[in-house]
Amino acid sequence: MEESELIIEKEQLHDSIVKEILIDRKEESVVIRVTTAELYYPETEAISIIAEQASYFTCSMKNPWGRSCSINEVVKKGNRLEIEMQSGDIIMIEAESFKIVKE
């Protein structure tokens, strides 16, 4: 596994698929497992976005634009990460740090 700090401007996650979200309350972490879009990651099939020392997590599942598990865009602002899904739902996490692990 290759690990790197999450620098959102360098990571293209559009059309990648959110496979699962794991919340570990004891470790105060959130792990989002993603199957990457082949166009942007031809040699990498899976990554994990890891939020460490997470203090807030929300994930709407109302599908205002229709059902989808694909990512539209990811924006990181300070200690907040927002993942807009192609369904129109938002996954939001506040944490001390974020990193990407390429699996």
N, C-alpha and C. Protein backbone atom coordinates (compact mmCIF):
# COMPACT_ATOMS: atom_id res chain seq x y z
N MET A 1 0.83 -1.19 0.00
CA MET A 1 0.00 0.00 0.00
C MET A 1 0.87 1.24 0.00
N GLU A 2 0.51 2.18 -0.82
CA GLU A 2 1.21 3.45 -0.88
C GLU A 2 0.35 4.50 -0.20
N GLU A 3 0.96 5.26 0.71
CA GLU A 3 0.22 6.22 1.52
C GLU A 3 0.66 7.63 1.16
N SER A 4 -0.29 8.56 1.10
CA SER A 4 0.06 9.95 0.85
C SER A 4 -0.95 10.86 1.53
N GLU A 5 -0.49 12.07 1.87
CA GLU A 5 -1.39 13.06 2.43
C GLU A 5 -2.38 13.46 1.34
N LEU A 6 -3.61 13.74 1.74
CA LEU A 6 -4.64 14.10 0.77
C LEU A 6 -4.44 15.53 0.29
N ILE A 7 -4.02 15.66 -0.95
CA ILE A 7 -3.93 16.97 -1.60
C ILE A 7 -4.96 16.92 -2.72
N ILE A 8 -6.11 17.47 -2.45
CA ILE A 8 -7.26 17.26 -3.31
C ILE A 8 -7.04 17.77 -4.73
N GLU A 9 -6.25 18.82 -4.90
CA GLU A 9 -6.02 19.36 -6.24
C GLU A 9 -5.27 18.36 -7.12
N LYS A 10 -4.52 17.45 -6.51
CA LYS A 10 -3.74 16.48 -7.28
C LYS A 10 -4.46 15.15 -7.46
N GLU A 11 -5.59 14.97 -6.82
CA GLU A 11 -6.33 13.71 -6.90
C GLU A 11 -7.59 13.91 -7.72
N GLN A 12 -7.74 13.16 -8.78
CA GLN A 12 -8.93 13.25 -9.61
C GLN A 12 -9.82 12.06 -9.27
N LEU A 13 -10.91 12.33 -8.55
CA LEU A 13 -11.78 11.25 -8.10
C LEU A 13 -13.14 11.26 -8.80
N HIS A 14 -13.35 12.16 -9.76
CA HIS A 14 -14.61 12.20 -10.50
C HIS A 14 -14.85 10.84 -11.16
N ASP A 15 -16.05 10.34 -11.06
CA ASP A 15 -16.49 9.05 -11.61
C ASP A 15 -15.98 7.84 -10.84
N SER A 16 -15.19 8.05 -9.78
CA SER A 16 -14.80 6.93 -8.93
C SER A 16 -16.02 6.50 -8.11
N ILE A 17 -16.02 5.26 -7.65
CA ILE A 17 -17.20 4.70 -6.98
C ILE A 17 -16.91 4.48 -5.50
N VAL A 18 -17.78 5.02 -4.64
CA VAL A 18 -17.69 4.77 -3.20
C VAL A 18 -18.23 3.36 -2.94
N LYS A 19 -17.36 2.48 -2.44
CA LYS A 19 -17.73 1.09 -2.19
C LYS A 19 -18.26 0.89 -0.77
N GLU A 20 -17.59 1.49 0.21
CA GLU A 20 -18.05 1.36 1.59
C GLU A 20 -17.45 2.46 2.44
N ILE A 21 -18.13 2.74 3.54
CA ILE A 21 -17.68 3.73 4.51
C ILE A 21 -17.61 3.03 5.86
N LEU A 22 -16.45 3.11 6.50
CA LEU A 22 -16.24 2.47 7.79
C LEU A 22 -15.98 3.54 8.84
N ILE A 23 -16.70 3.46 9.95
CA ILE A 23 -16.52 4.41 11.05
C ILE A 23 -16.01 3.63 12.25
N ASP A 24 -14.87 4.05 12.78
CA ASP A 24 -14.29 3.42 13.97
C ASP A 24 -14.33 4.46 15.09
N ARG A 25 -15.33 4.35 15.95
CA ARG A 25 -15.49 5.35 17.01
C ARG A 25 -14.34 5.30 18.00
N LYS A 26 -13.84 4.11 18.30
CA LYS A 26 -12.74 3.98 19.26
C LYS A 26 -11.49 4.69 18.74
N GLU A 27 -11.16 4.48 17.48
CA GLU A 27 -9.97 5.09 16.87
C GLU A 27 -10.24 6.50 16.34
N GLU A 28 -11.51 6.94 16.38
CA GLU A 28 -11.91 8.25 15.86
C GLU A 28 -11.50 8.42 14.41
N SER A 29 -11.80 7.40 13.60
CA SER A 29 -11.42 7.48 12.19
C SER A 29 -12.61 7.11 11.30
N VAL A 30 -12.54 7.62 10.07
CA VAL A 30 -13.51 7.28 9.03
C VAL A 30 -12.69 6.86 7.82
N VAL A 31 -13.05 5.71 7.25
CA VAL A 31 -12.37 5.20 6.06
C VAL A 31 -13.41 5.07 4.95
N ILE A 32 -13.13 5.71 3.81
CA ILE A 32 -14.00 5.59 2.65
C ILE A 32 -13.24 4.80 1.60
N ARG A 33 -13.74 3.63 1.27
CA ARG A 33 -13.10 2.78 0.26
C ARG A 33 -13.70 3.10 -1.10
N VAL A 34 -12.81 3.33 -2.06
CA VAL A 34 -13.21 3.83 -3.37
C VAL A 34 -12.59 2.97 -4.47
N THR A 35 -13.39 2.63 -5.47
CA THR A 35 -12.87 2.04 -6.70
C THR A 35 -12.64 3.20 -7.66
N THR A 36 -11.42 3.38 -8.10
CA THR A 36 -11.06 4.57 -8.88
C THR A 36 -11.49 4.45 -10.33
N ALA A 37 -11.71 5.61 -10.94
CA ALA A 37 -12.07 5.68 -12.36
C ALA A 37 -10.83 5.35 -13.19
N GLU A 38 -10.95 4.44 -14.12
CA GLU A 38 -9.80 3.97 -14.91
C GLU A 38 -9.15 5.09 -15.71
N LEU A 39 -9.94 6.05 -16.15
CA LEU A 39 -9.41 7.17 -16.94
C LEU A 39 -8.32 7.92 -16.19
N TYR A 40 -8.52 8.12 -14.88
CA TYR A 40 -7.59 8.91 -14.08
C TYR A 40 -6.55 8.06 -13.36
N TYR A 41 -6.88 6.81 -13.08
CA TYR A 41 -5.99 5.90 -12.36
C TYR A 41 -5.88 4.58 -13.11
N PRO A 42 -5.22 4.55 -14.25
CA PRO A 42 -5.19 3.31 -15.04
C PRO A 42 -4.51 2.14 -14.34
N GLU A 43 -3.60 2.41 -13.40
CA GLU A 43 -2.88 1.32 -12.74
C GLU A 43 -3.35 1.07 -11.31
N THR A 44 -4.26 1.87 -10.81
CA THR A 44 -4.74 1.73 -9.44
C THR A 44 -6.23 1.44 -9.49
N GLU A 45 -6.64 0.39 -8.84
CA GLU A 45 -8.05 0.04 -8.85
C GLU A 45 -8.79 0.46 -7.60
N ALA A 46 -8.06 0.61 -6.50
CA ALA A 46 -8.73 0.91 -5.24
C ALA A 46 -7.87 1.83 -4.38
N ILE A 47 -8.55 2.74 -3.71
CA ILE A 47 -7.90 3.60 -2.73
C ILE A 47 -8.80 3.68 -1.50
N SER A 48 -8.22 4.12 -0.41
CA SER A 48 -8.99 4.45 0.78
C SER A 48 -8.68 5.89 1.15
N ILE A 49 -9.72 6.65 1.41
CA ILE A 49 -9.57 8.00 1.96
C ILE A 49 -9.74 7.82 3.47
N ILE A 50 -8.73 8.21 4.23
CA ILE A 50 -8.75 7.99 5.67
C ILE A 50 -8.76 9.33 6.39
N ALA A 51 -9.76 9.52 7.24
CA ALA A 51 -9.86 10.70 8.09
C ALA A 51 -9.44 10.28 9.49
N GLU A 52 -8.40 10.92 10.02
CA GLU A 52 -7.88 10.58 11.35
C GLU A 52 -8.29 11.63 12.36
N GLN A 53 -8.59 11.19 13.57
CA GLN A 53 -9.09 12.05 14.63
C GLN A 53 -10.32 12.81 14.13
N ALA A 54 -11.26 12.06 13.59
CA ALA A 54 -12.49 12.65 13.06
C ALA A 54 -13.39 13.12 14.21
N SER A 55 -13.99 14.29 14.02
CA SER A 55 -14.89 14.83 15.03
C SER A 55 -16.32 14.97 14.52
N TYR A 56 -16.51 14.85 13.21
CA TYR A 56 -17.85 15.01 12.64
C TYR A 56 -17.94 14.23 11.35
N PHE A 57 -19.09 13.56 11.16
CA PHE A 57 -19.33 12.81 9.93
C PHE A 57 -20.81 12.87 9.61
N THR A 58 -21.13 13.15 8.35
CA THR A 58 -22.52 13.09 7.90
C THR A 58 -22.54 12.58 6.47
N CYS A 59 -23.59 11.86 6.14
CA CYS A 59 -23.72 11.28 4.80
C CYS A 59 -25.21 11.22 4.46
N SER A 60 -25.66 12.15 3.63
CA SER A 60 -27.06 12.09 3.22
C SER A 60 -27.24 11.00 2.17
N MET A 61 -28.44 10.43 2.13
CA MET A 61 -28.75 9.37 1.16
C MET A 61 -30.15 9.61 0.60
N LYS A 62 -30.41 10.85 0.15
CA LYS A 62 -31.72 11.22 -0.36
C LYS A 62 -31.82 11.12 -1.88
N ASN A 63 -30.69 11.04 -2.56
CA ASN A 63 -30.64 10.89 -4.02
C ASN A 63 -31.45 11.95 -4.78
N PRO A 64 -31.22 13.25 -4.52
CA PRO A 64 -32.02 14.27 -5.21
C PRO A 64 -31.82 14.30 -6.72
N TRP A 65 -30.69 13.81 -7.21
CA TRP A 65 -30.43 13.78 -8.66
C TRP A 65 -30.60 12.38 -9.23
N GLY A 66 -31.07 11.44 -8.43
CA GLY A 66 -31.18 10.04 -8.85
C GLY A 66 -30.10 9.22 -8.18
N ARG A 67 -30.29 7.91 -8.15
CA ARG A 67 -29.34 7.02 -7.46
C ARG A 67 -28.00 6.96 -8.16
N SER A 68 -26.93 7.02 -7.38
CA SER A 68 -25.58 6.87 -7.90
C SER A 68 -24.61 6.65 -6.75
N CYS A 69 -23.60 5.83 -6.99
CA CYS A 69 -22.52 5.61 -6.02
C CYS A 69 -21.23 6.28 -6.50
N SER A 70 -21.32 7.06 -7.58
CA SER A 70 -20.14 7.70 -8.17
C SER A 70 -19.92 9.08 -7.59
N ILE A 71 -18.64 9.45 -7.51
CA ILE A 71 -18.24 10.76 -6.99
C ILE A 71 -18.33 11.79 -8.11
N ASN A 72 -18.89 12.94 -7.78
CA ASN A 72 -18.91 14.07 -8.71
C ASN A 72 -17.67 14.93 -8.48
N GLU A 73 -17.50 15.41 -7.24
CA GLU A 73 -16.30 16.19 -6.92
C GLU A 73 -15.97 16.08 -5.44
N VAL A 74 -14.71 16.35 -5.13
CA VAL A 74 -14.22 16.33 -3.76
C VAL A 74 -13.56 17.67 -3.48
N VAL A 75 -13.94 18.28 -2.35
CA VAL A 75 -13.38 19.57 -1.97
C VAL A 75 -12.89 19.48 -0.54
N LYS A 76 -11.65 19.91 -0.31
CA LYS A 76 -11.09 19.95 1.04
C LYS A 76 -10.88 21.41 1.42
N LYS A 77 -11.48 21.81 2.54
CA LYS A 77 -11.34 23.18 3.06
C LYS A 77 -10.89 23.07 4.51
N GLY A 78 -9.61 23.32 4.75
CA GLY A 78 -9.09 23.21 6.11
C GLY A 78 -9.25 21.81 6.64
N ASN A 79 -9.96 21.68 7.77
CA ASN A 79 -10.14 20.35 8.37
C ASN A 79 -11.44 19.69 7.94
N ARG A 80 -12.05 20.18 6.86
CA ARG A 80 -13.32 19.63 6.37
C ARG A 80 -13.14 19.07 4.96
N LEU A 81 -13.68 17.87 4.76
CA LEU A 81 -13.67 17.23 3.45
C LEU A 81 -15.12 17.01 3.03
N GLU A 82 -15.47 17.49 1.83
CA GLU A 82 -16.81 17.29 1.30
C GLU A 82 -16.72 16.51 0.01
N ILE A 83 -17.46 15.42 -0.06
CA ILE A 83 -17.53 14.59 -1.26
C ILE A 83 -18.94 14.73 -1.80
N GLU A 84 -19.06 15.35 -2.97
CA GLU A 84 -20.36 15.46 -3.61
C GLU A 84 -20.54 14.26 -4.52
N MET A 85 -21.59 13.52 -4.28
CA MET A 85 -21.89 12.34 -5.08
C MET A 85 -22.69 12.74 -6.32
N GLN A 86 -22.66 11.92 -7.35
CA GLN A 86 -23.44 12.21 -8.55
C GLN A 86 -24.94 12.05 -8.30
N SER A 87 -25.30 11.56 -7.13
CA SER A 87 -26.70 11.50 -6.71
C SER A 87 -27.17 12.84 -6.16
N GLY A 88 -26.21 13.76 -5.91
CA GLY A 88 -26.53 15.04 -5.28
C GLY A 88 -26.33 15.01 -3.78
N ASP A 89 -26.07 13.85 -3.22
CA ASP A 89 -25.83 13.74 -1.78
C ASP A 89 -24.41 14.21 -1.45
N ILE A 90 -24.22 14.57 -0.18
CA ILE A 90 -22.92 15.05 0.30
C ILE A 90 -22.45 14.18 1.45
N ILE A 91 -21.19 13.75 1.37
CA ILE A 91 -20.51 13.11 2.49
C ILE A 91 -19.58 14.18 3.06
N MET A 92 -19.72 14.48 4.35
CA MET A 92 -18.87 15.51 4.95
C MET A 92 -18.19 14.96 6.19
N ILE A 93 -16.90 15.23 6.28
CA ILE A 93 -16.11 14.78 7.43
C ILE A 93 -15.26 15.95 7.91
N GLU A 94 -15.21 16.14 9.22
CA GLU A 94 -14.25 17.05 9.83
C GLU A 94 -13.27 16.20 10.62
N ALA A 95 -11.97 16.43 10.39
CA ALA A 95 -10.94 15.62 11.03
C ALA A 95 -9.64 16.40 11.11
N GLU A 96 -8.73 15.91 11.97
CA GLU A 96 -7.42 16.54 12.10
C GLU A 96 -6.58 16.36 10.84
N SER A 97 -6.70 15.19 10.20
CA SER A 97 -5.91 14.96 8.98
C SER A 97 -6.63 13.98 8.07
N PHE A 98 -6.25 14.05 6.80
CA PHE A 98 -6.79 13.16 5.77
C PHE A 98 -5.62 12.61 4.97
N LYS A 99 -5.73 11.34 4.58
CA LYS A 99 -4.71 10.77 3.71
C LYS A 99 -5.37 9.78 2.75
N ILE A 100 -4.65 9.51 1.68
CA ILE A 100 -5.10 8.52 0.70
C ILE A 100 -4.12 7.36 0.74
N VAL A 101 -4.66 6.16 0.79
CA VAL A 101 -3.86 4.95 0.72
C VAL A 101 -4.24 4.24 -0.56
N LYS A 102 -3.27 4.07 -1.46
CA LYS A 102 -3.51 3.34 -2.70
C LYS A 102 -3.28 1.87 -2.42
N GLU A 103 -4.26 1.06 -2.72
CA GLU A 103 -4.19 -0.37 -2.38
C GLU A 103 -3.83 -1.22 -3.57
